[in-house]
Amino acid sequence: MKKFLNKHSVPILLFPYAVLFILFIIIPTIAAIGLSFTDFNTIQMPNFVGLKNYISLFTNDSVFMQKVLPNTIVYAIFTGIGGYVLSFILAWMLAQMTRPVRTVLTIIIYAPSMTGGVMLSTIWTVIFNGDKSGYLNALMLKLGLIDQPVAWAQSDKYLLSIMIIVTLWSSMGIGFLAMLSGITNGNTELYEAGYIDGIKNRFQEIIYITIPLAKPQMLFGAIMAIVNTFQAGGVGTALSGSNPTPNYAGQLIGTHIEDYGFLRYEMGYSAAISVVMLIFVYAMSEGAKKLFSSDD
């Protein structure tokens, strides 16, 4: 019995995860790919239409090409790449501090990622409220910077910028913790050897020692940043209170999927958009793997 358990312990331990992975990841993904080739309204049986949904997405859907895709690219650059760089900088700065101070600051920085939804509805919506009771409007009116309240979250001029600010505020999640762990648990002897070999300043230390040492954690952080960027589209809907967002100013791929899938009930078309987003995420994840791959 003991030999059997030793031989089959890994498959047995992996079995619950494998079942959940197949039920909630593999099967829904296959179903979405299948539905993307159909016209399905959730009531009638799916009607096979081939590549029609994909052709319509890139040729007839002007909102997707002119609003959603550009918005997603801008949002991804600032919240994905910008948030990732900010996570690394904060992790590196915390690693230079003593352990008690680092622990307290890490909790403070990480906390918004756990309470993002609650804080979004209780804090940020109040800050950007469009009447005089909004904190930002009240402050600017008091300082004489504006003459009348501004509907920040309902304005197509400011919505995307507000979404980026809110997302960056809550983006220091598990990827940030992974990078902090990789930096703080690095071999300190390598830093001493590096300075002996010619490293002259902290910037060179980061480039030649810190980043190579923390490559696995940085890869994990990059993939988490990519995934979080594409699944955080609901921020615009929560802030503006509508989907589609005003003049599609905060419309991202995620909210475009919700618009067609759960408001218009065009599940086939919504599934096609989901597959396109899946391809984007996969391509970016593969790029991150190549960037942080290591031969040793």
Protein backbone atom coordinates (compact mmCIF):
# COMPACT_ATOMS: atom_id res chain seq x y z
CA MET A 1 0.00 0.00 0.00
CA LYS A 2 2.83 2.36 0.89
CA LYS A 3 4.59 1.67 -2.41
CA PHE A 4 1.33 2.30 -4.29
CA LEU A 5 0.82 5.65 -2.56
CA ASN A 6 4.43 6.71 -3.17
CA LYS A 7 4.15 5.81 -6.84
CA HIS A 8 0.77 7.41 -7.46
CA SER A 9 0.79 10.27 -4.93
CA VAL A 10 1.33 13.02 -7.51
CA PRO A 11 -1.51 11.93 -9.86
CA ILE A 12 -3.85 11.50 -6.88
CA LEU A 13 -3.06 14.97 -5.55
CA LEU A 14 -3.48 16.49 -9.01
CA PHE A 15 -6.82 14.78 -9.65
CA PRO A 16 -9.09 17.35 -7.89
CA TYR A 17 -7.34 20.24 -9.67
CA ALA A 18 -7.51 18.39 -13.01
CA VAL A 19 -11.25 17.82 -12.62
CA LEU A 20 -11.92 21.47 -11.78
CA PHE A 21 -9.62 22.65 -14.59
CA ILE A 22 -11.44 20.51 -17.15
CA LEU A 23 -14.91 21.50 -15.88
CA PHE A 24 -14.36 25.25 -15.58
CA ILE A 25 -11.59 25.99 -18.11
CA ILE A 26 -11.29 23.36 -20.86
CA ILE A 27 -14.98 22.63 -21.43
CA PRO A 28 -16.12 26.32 -21.39
CA THR A 29 -13.26 27.24 -23.75
CA ILE A 30 -14.21 24.51 -26.21
CA ALA A 31 -17.88 25.49 -25.92
CA ALA A 32 -17.04 29.16 -26.60
CA ILE A 33 -15.00 28.25 -29.67
CA GLY A 34 -17.87 26.11 -30.95
CA LEU A 35 -20.49 28.81 -30.30
CA SER A 36 -18.34 31.41 -32.07
CA PHE A 37 -19.23 29.73 -35.37
CA THR A 38 -22.97 29.93 -34.70
CA ASP A 39 -25.85 32.37 -34.44
CA PHE A 40 -27.23 31.70 -30.95
CA ASN A 41 -29.71 33.78 -28.95
CA THR A 42 -29.95 31.44 -25.88
CA ILE A 43 -33.56 30.46 -26.80
CA GLN A 44 -33.37 28.80 -30.21
CA MET A 45 -30.88 26.11 -31.13
CA PRO A 46 -27.50 27.43 -32.37
CA ASN A 47 -27.40 27.96 -36.12
CA PHE A 48 -24.03 27.30 -37.77
CA VAL A 49 -22.82 30.37 -39.70
CA GLY A 50 -19.14 29.55 -40.20
CA LEU A 51 -16.75 32.52 -40.06
CA LYS A 52 -19.52 35.11 -40.33
CA ASN A 53 -19.09 36.37 -36.76
CA TYR A 54 -15.34 36.85 -37.17
CA ILE A 55 -15.75 38.57 -40.53
CA SER A 56 -18.42 40.88 -39.09
CA LEU A 57 -16.22 41.67 -36.09
CA PHE A 58 -13.35 43.00 -38.20
CA THR A 59 -15.29 44.44 -41.15
CA ASN A 60 -18.74 45.54 -39.96
CA ASP A 61 -18.34 46.27 -36.24
CA SER A 62 -17.20 49.90 -36.38
CA VAL A 63 -17.51 50.22 -32.60
CA PHE A 64 -15.03 47.39 -32.10
CA MET A 65 -12.48 48.72 -34.61
CA GLN A 66 -12.81 52.44 -33.82
CA LYS A 67 -13.55 52.42 -30.09
CA VAL A 68 -13.08 49.08 -28.34
CA LEU A 69 -9.75 48.01 -29.86
CA PRO A 70 -8.02 51.43 -29.50
CA ASN A 71 -9.38 51.78 -25.94
CA THR A 72 -8.11 48.31 -25.04
CA ILE A 73 -4.65 49.04 -26.45
CA VAL A 74 -4.33 52.31 -24.51
CA TYR A 75 -5.72 50.68 -21.37
CA ALA A 76 -3.34 47.72 -21.72
CA ILE A 77 -0.29 49.94 -22.18
CA PHE A 78 -0.97 52.00 -19.07
CA THR A 79 -2.43 49.35 -16.75
CA GLY A 80 -0.64 46.28 -18.10
CA ILE A 81 2.85 47.50 -18.93
CA GLY A 82 2.68 50.54 -16.63
CA GLY A 83 1.22 48.54 -13.75
CA TYR A 84 3.81 45.81 -14.23
CA VAL A 85 6.71 48.27 -14.16
CA LEU A 86 5.19 50.00 -11.13
CA SER A 87 4.86 46.62 -9.37
CA PHE A 88 8.53 45.87 -9.95
CA ILE A 89 9.66 49.31 -8.80
CA LEU A 90 7.59 49.10 -5.61
CA ALA A 91 8.78 45.53 -4.96
CA TRP A 92 12.41 46.57 -5.39
CA MET A 93 11.99 49.61 -3.12
CA LEU A 94 10.33 47.51 -0.42
CA ALA A 95 13.15 44.96 -0.65
CA GLN A 96 15.60 47.67 0.44
CA MET A 97 13.72 48.26 3.70
CA THR A 98 13.86 46.44 7.00
CA ARG A 99 11.51 43.49 7.41
CA PRO A 100 8.96 45.07 9.82
CA VAL A 101 8.58 48.20 7.68
CA ARG A 102 8.43 46.10 4.51
CA THR A 103 5.70 43.88 5.96
CA VAL A 104 3.47 46.80 6.92
CA LEU A 105 3.90 48.61 3.60
CA THR A 106 3.34 45.41 1.63
CA ILE A 107 -0.01 44.87 3.35
CA ILE A 108 -1.00 48.48 2.66
CA ILE A 109 -0.04 48.25 -1.03
CA TYR A 110 -1.58 44.79 -1.53
CA ALA A 111 -4.86 45.48 0.29
CA PRO A 112 -6.59 47.42 -2.56
CA SER A 113 -6.28 44.39 -4.87
CA MET A 114 -8.38 42.36 -2.41
CA THR A 115 -11.03 45.02 -1.86
CA GLY A 116 -11.05 46.55 -5.35
CA GLY A 117 -14.74 45.90 -6.06
CA VAL A 118 -15.93 47.19 -2.70
CA MET A 119 -13.67 50.24 -2.78
CA LEU A 120 -14.72 50.95 -6.36
CA SER A 121 -18.36 51.25 -5.36
CA THR A 122 -17.82 53.01 -2.03
CA ILE A 123 -14.84 55.29 -2.63
CA TRP A 124 -14.08 55.95 -6.28
CA THR A 125 -17.69 56.48 -7.35
CA VAL A 126 -18.00 59.04 -4.54
CA ILE A 127 -14.74 60.75 -5.51
CA PHE A 128 -15.82 61.08 -9.15
CA ASN A 129 -19.50 61.76 -8.44
CA GLY A 130 -20.89 64.19 -10.98
CA ASP A 131 -22.66 66.53 -8.53
CA LYS A 132 -21.41 68.90 -5.83
CA SER A 133 -21.20 66.10 -3.28
CA GLY A 134 -18.43 64.38 -5.24
CA TYR A 135 -15.11 64.79 -3.44
CA LEU A 136 -13.22 65.90 -6.55
CA ASN A 137 -15.92 68.36 -7.62
CA ALA A 138 -16.24 69.75 -4.09
CA LEU A 139 -12.49 70.30 -3.84
CA MET A 140 -12.18 71.93 -7.27
CA LEU A 141 -15.21 74.15 -6.66
CA LYS A 142 -13.74 75.25 -3.35
CA LEU A 143 -10.42 76.08 -4.99
CA GLY A 144 -12.16 77.91 -7.82
CA LEU A 145 -10.78 75.60 -10.50
CA ILE A 146 -14.23 74.92 -11.98
CA ASP A 147 -17.48 76.91 -12.04
CA GLN A 148 -19.89 73.96 -12.04
CA PRO A 149 -19.68 70.24 -11.23
CA VAL A 150 -18.19 67.95 -13.86
CA ALA A 151 -19.68 64.53 -14.57
CA TRP A 152 -16.28 62.83 -14.56
CA ALA A 153 -17.32 59.19 -14.90
CA GLN A 154 -20.07 59.99 -17.43
CA SER A 155 -17.82 62.08 -19.67
CA ASP A 156 -16.25 60.44 -22.72
CA LYS A 157 -13.35 62.86 -22.25
CA TYR A 158 -12.29 61.62 -18.81
CA LEU A 159 -13.70 58.10 -18.38
CA LEU A 160 -10.79 56.10 -19.82
CA SER A 161 -8.23 58.10 -17.80
CA ILE A 162 -10.23 57.51 -14.62
CA MET A 163 -10.41 53.79 -15.40
CA ILE A 164 -6.62 53.68 -15.75
CA ILE A 165 -6.11 55.48 -12.42
CA VAL A 166 -8.51 53.18 -10.57
CA THR A 167 -7.03 50.03 -12.10
CA LEU A 168 -3.44 51.05 -11.32
CA TRP A 169 -4.47 51.75 -7.73
CA SER A 170 -5.72 48.17 -7.31
CA SER A 171 -3.18 46.41 -9.56
CA MET A 172 -0.63 45.51 -6.88
CA GLY A 173 -1.92 41.98 -6.48
CA ILE A 174 -0.42 38.50 -6.47
CA GLY A 175 2.04 39.39 -9.25
CA PHE A 176 3.46 42.17 -7.07
CA LEU A 177 3.87 39.74 -4.16
CA ALA A 178 5.60 37.22 -6.42
CA MET A 179 8.14 39.79 -7.61
CA LEU A 180 8.75 40.98 -4.05
CA SER A 181 9.38 37.39 -3.02
CA GLY A 182 11.79 36.83 -5.91
CA ILE A 183 13.78 39.96 -5.11
CA THR A 184 13.97 39.48 -1.34
CA ASN A 185 14.90 35.78 -1.55
CA GLY A 186 17.74 36.24 -4.04
CA ASN A 187 21.27 35.08 -3.26
CA THR A 188 22.94 38.07 -1.58
CA GLU A 189 26.39 36.67 -2.37
CA LEU A 190 25.78 37.35 -6.06
CA TYR A 191 25.42 41.07 -5.32
CA GLU A 192 28.78 41.10 -3.56
CA ALA A 193 30.37 39.19 -6.44
CA GLY A 194 28.77 41.57 -8.91
CA TYR A 195 30.35 44.63 -7.33
CA ILE A 196 33.70 42.85 -7.34
CA ASP A 197 33.27 42.11 -11.06
CA GLY A 198 32.58 45.73 -11.96
CA ILE A 199 29.00 46.70 -11.14
CA LYS A 200 29.14 50.37 -10.14
CA ASN A 201 25.59 51.45 -9.23
CA ARG A 202 22.10 50.28 -8.30
CA PHE A 203 20.80 50.49 -11.88
CA GLN A 204 23.42 48.02 -13.10
CA GLU A 205 22.65 45.86 -10.06
CA ILE A 206 18.99 45.69 -11.09
CA ILE A 207 19.75 44.94 -14.75
CA TYR A 208 22.47 42.35 -14.29
CA ILE A 209 21.56 40.66 -11.00
CA THR A 210 18.06 41.43 -9.65
CA ILE A 211 16.08 40.86 -12.85
CA PRO A 212 17.91 37.63 -13.86
CA LEU A 213 17.47 36.25 -10.32
CA ALA A 214 13.75 37.06 -10.23
CA LYS A 215 12.92 35.94 -13.80
CA PRO A 216 10.45 33.18 -12.79
CA GLN A 217 8.54 35.53 -10.49
CA MET A 218 8.65 38.32 -13.08
CA LEU A 219 7.24 35.94 -15.70
CA PHE A 220 4.40 35.04 -13.34
CA GLY A 221 3.81 38.73 -12.65
CA ALA A 222 3.75 39.50 -16.38
CA ILE A 223 1.17 36.79 -17.11
CA MET A 224 -1.00 37.95 -14.20
CA ALA A 225 -0.76 41.54 -15.47
CA ILE A 226 -1.89 40.43 -18.94
CA VAL A 227 -4.83 38.43 -17.59
CA ASN A 228 -5.91 41.17 -15.17
CA THR A 229 -5.73 43.80 -17.92
CA PHE A 230 -8.22 41.94 -20.10
CA GLN A 231 -10.59 40.94 -17.32
CA ALA A 232 -10.79 44.38 -15.66
CA GLY A 233 -13.03 45.92 -18.29
CA GLY A 234 -15.95 46.09 -15.85
CA VAL A 235 -14.33 49.11 -14.20
CA GLY A 236 -15.75 51.41 -16.86
CA THR A 237 -19.25 49.98 -16.45
CA ALA A 238 -19.09 50.31 -12.65
CA LEU A 239 -17.87 53.90 -12.78
CA SER A 240 -20.22 55.17 -15.49
CA GLY A 241 -23.18 53.04 -14.43
CA SER A 242 -23.95 51.89 -17.96
CA ASN A 243 -22.96 49.38 -20.60
CA PRO A 244 -22.18 50.50 -23.25
CA THR A 245 -20.22 53.27 -21.56
CA PRO A 246 -20.92 56.90 -22.63
CA ASN A 247 -20.00 57.25 -26.31
CA TYR A 248 -18.11 53.95 -25.90
CA ALA A 249 -15.30 55.93 -24.24
CA GLY A 250 -14.60 53.22 -21.66
CA GLN A 251 -15.62 50.25 -23.76
CA LEU A 252 -13.03 47.46 -23.67
CA ILE A 253 -13.09 43.98 -25.15
CA GLY A 254 -14.47 42.57 -21.90
CA THR A 255 -17.38 45.02 -21.76
CA HIS A 256 -18.01 44.52 -25.49
CA ILE A 257 -18.42 40.81 -24.78
CA GLU A 258 -20.87 41.54 -21.95
CA ASP A 259 -22.79 43.98 -24.15
CA TYR A 260 -23.43 41.43 -26.90
CA GLY A 261 -23.65 38.35 -24.70
CA PHE A 262 -25.74 39.43 -21.71
CA LEU A 263 -27.58 42.52 -22.97
CA ARG A 264 -28.26 41.73 -26.62
CA TYR A 265 -28.13 37.92 -26.18
CA GLU A 266 -26.07 37.47 -29.33
CA MET A 267 -24.09 34.64 -27.77
CA GLY A 268 -22.46 33.46 -30.99
CA TYR A 269 -21.04 36.89 -31.75
CA SER A 270 -20.06 37.38 -28.10
CA ALA A 271 -18.24 34.03 -28.16
CA ALA A 272 -16.32 35.12 -31.27
CA ILE A 273 -15.11 38.24 -29.44
CA SER A 274 -14.12 36.03 -26.50
CA VAL A 275 -12.05 33.80 -28.77
CA VAL A 276 -10.29 36.85 -30.24
CA MET A 277 -9.52 38.04 -26.71
CA LEU A 278 -8.23 34.58 -25.81
CA ILE A 279 -5.87 34.70 -28.79
CA PHE A 280 -4.61 38.13 -27.69
CA VAL A 281 -3.97 36.87 -24.15
CA TYR A 282 -2.24 33.73 -25.40
CA ALA A 283 -0.02 35.66 -27.82
CA MET A 284 1.01 38.17 -25.15
CA SER A 285 1.65 35.40 -22.62
CA GLU A 286 3.89 33.58 -25.10
CA GLY A 287 5.75 36.83 -25.72
CA ALA A 288 6.26 37.24 -21.97
CA LYS A 289 7.56 33.66 -21.73
CA LYS A 290 10.13 34.29 -24.45
CA LEU A 291 11.15 37.58 -22.86
CA PHE A 292 11.76 36.02 -19.44
CA SER A 293 12.87 32.57 -20.58
CA SER A 294 16.14 31.30 -19.20
CA ASP A 295 18.49 28.67 -20.59
CA ASP A 296 19.94 27.79 -17.19
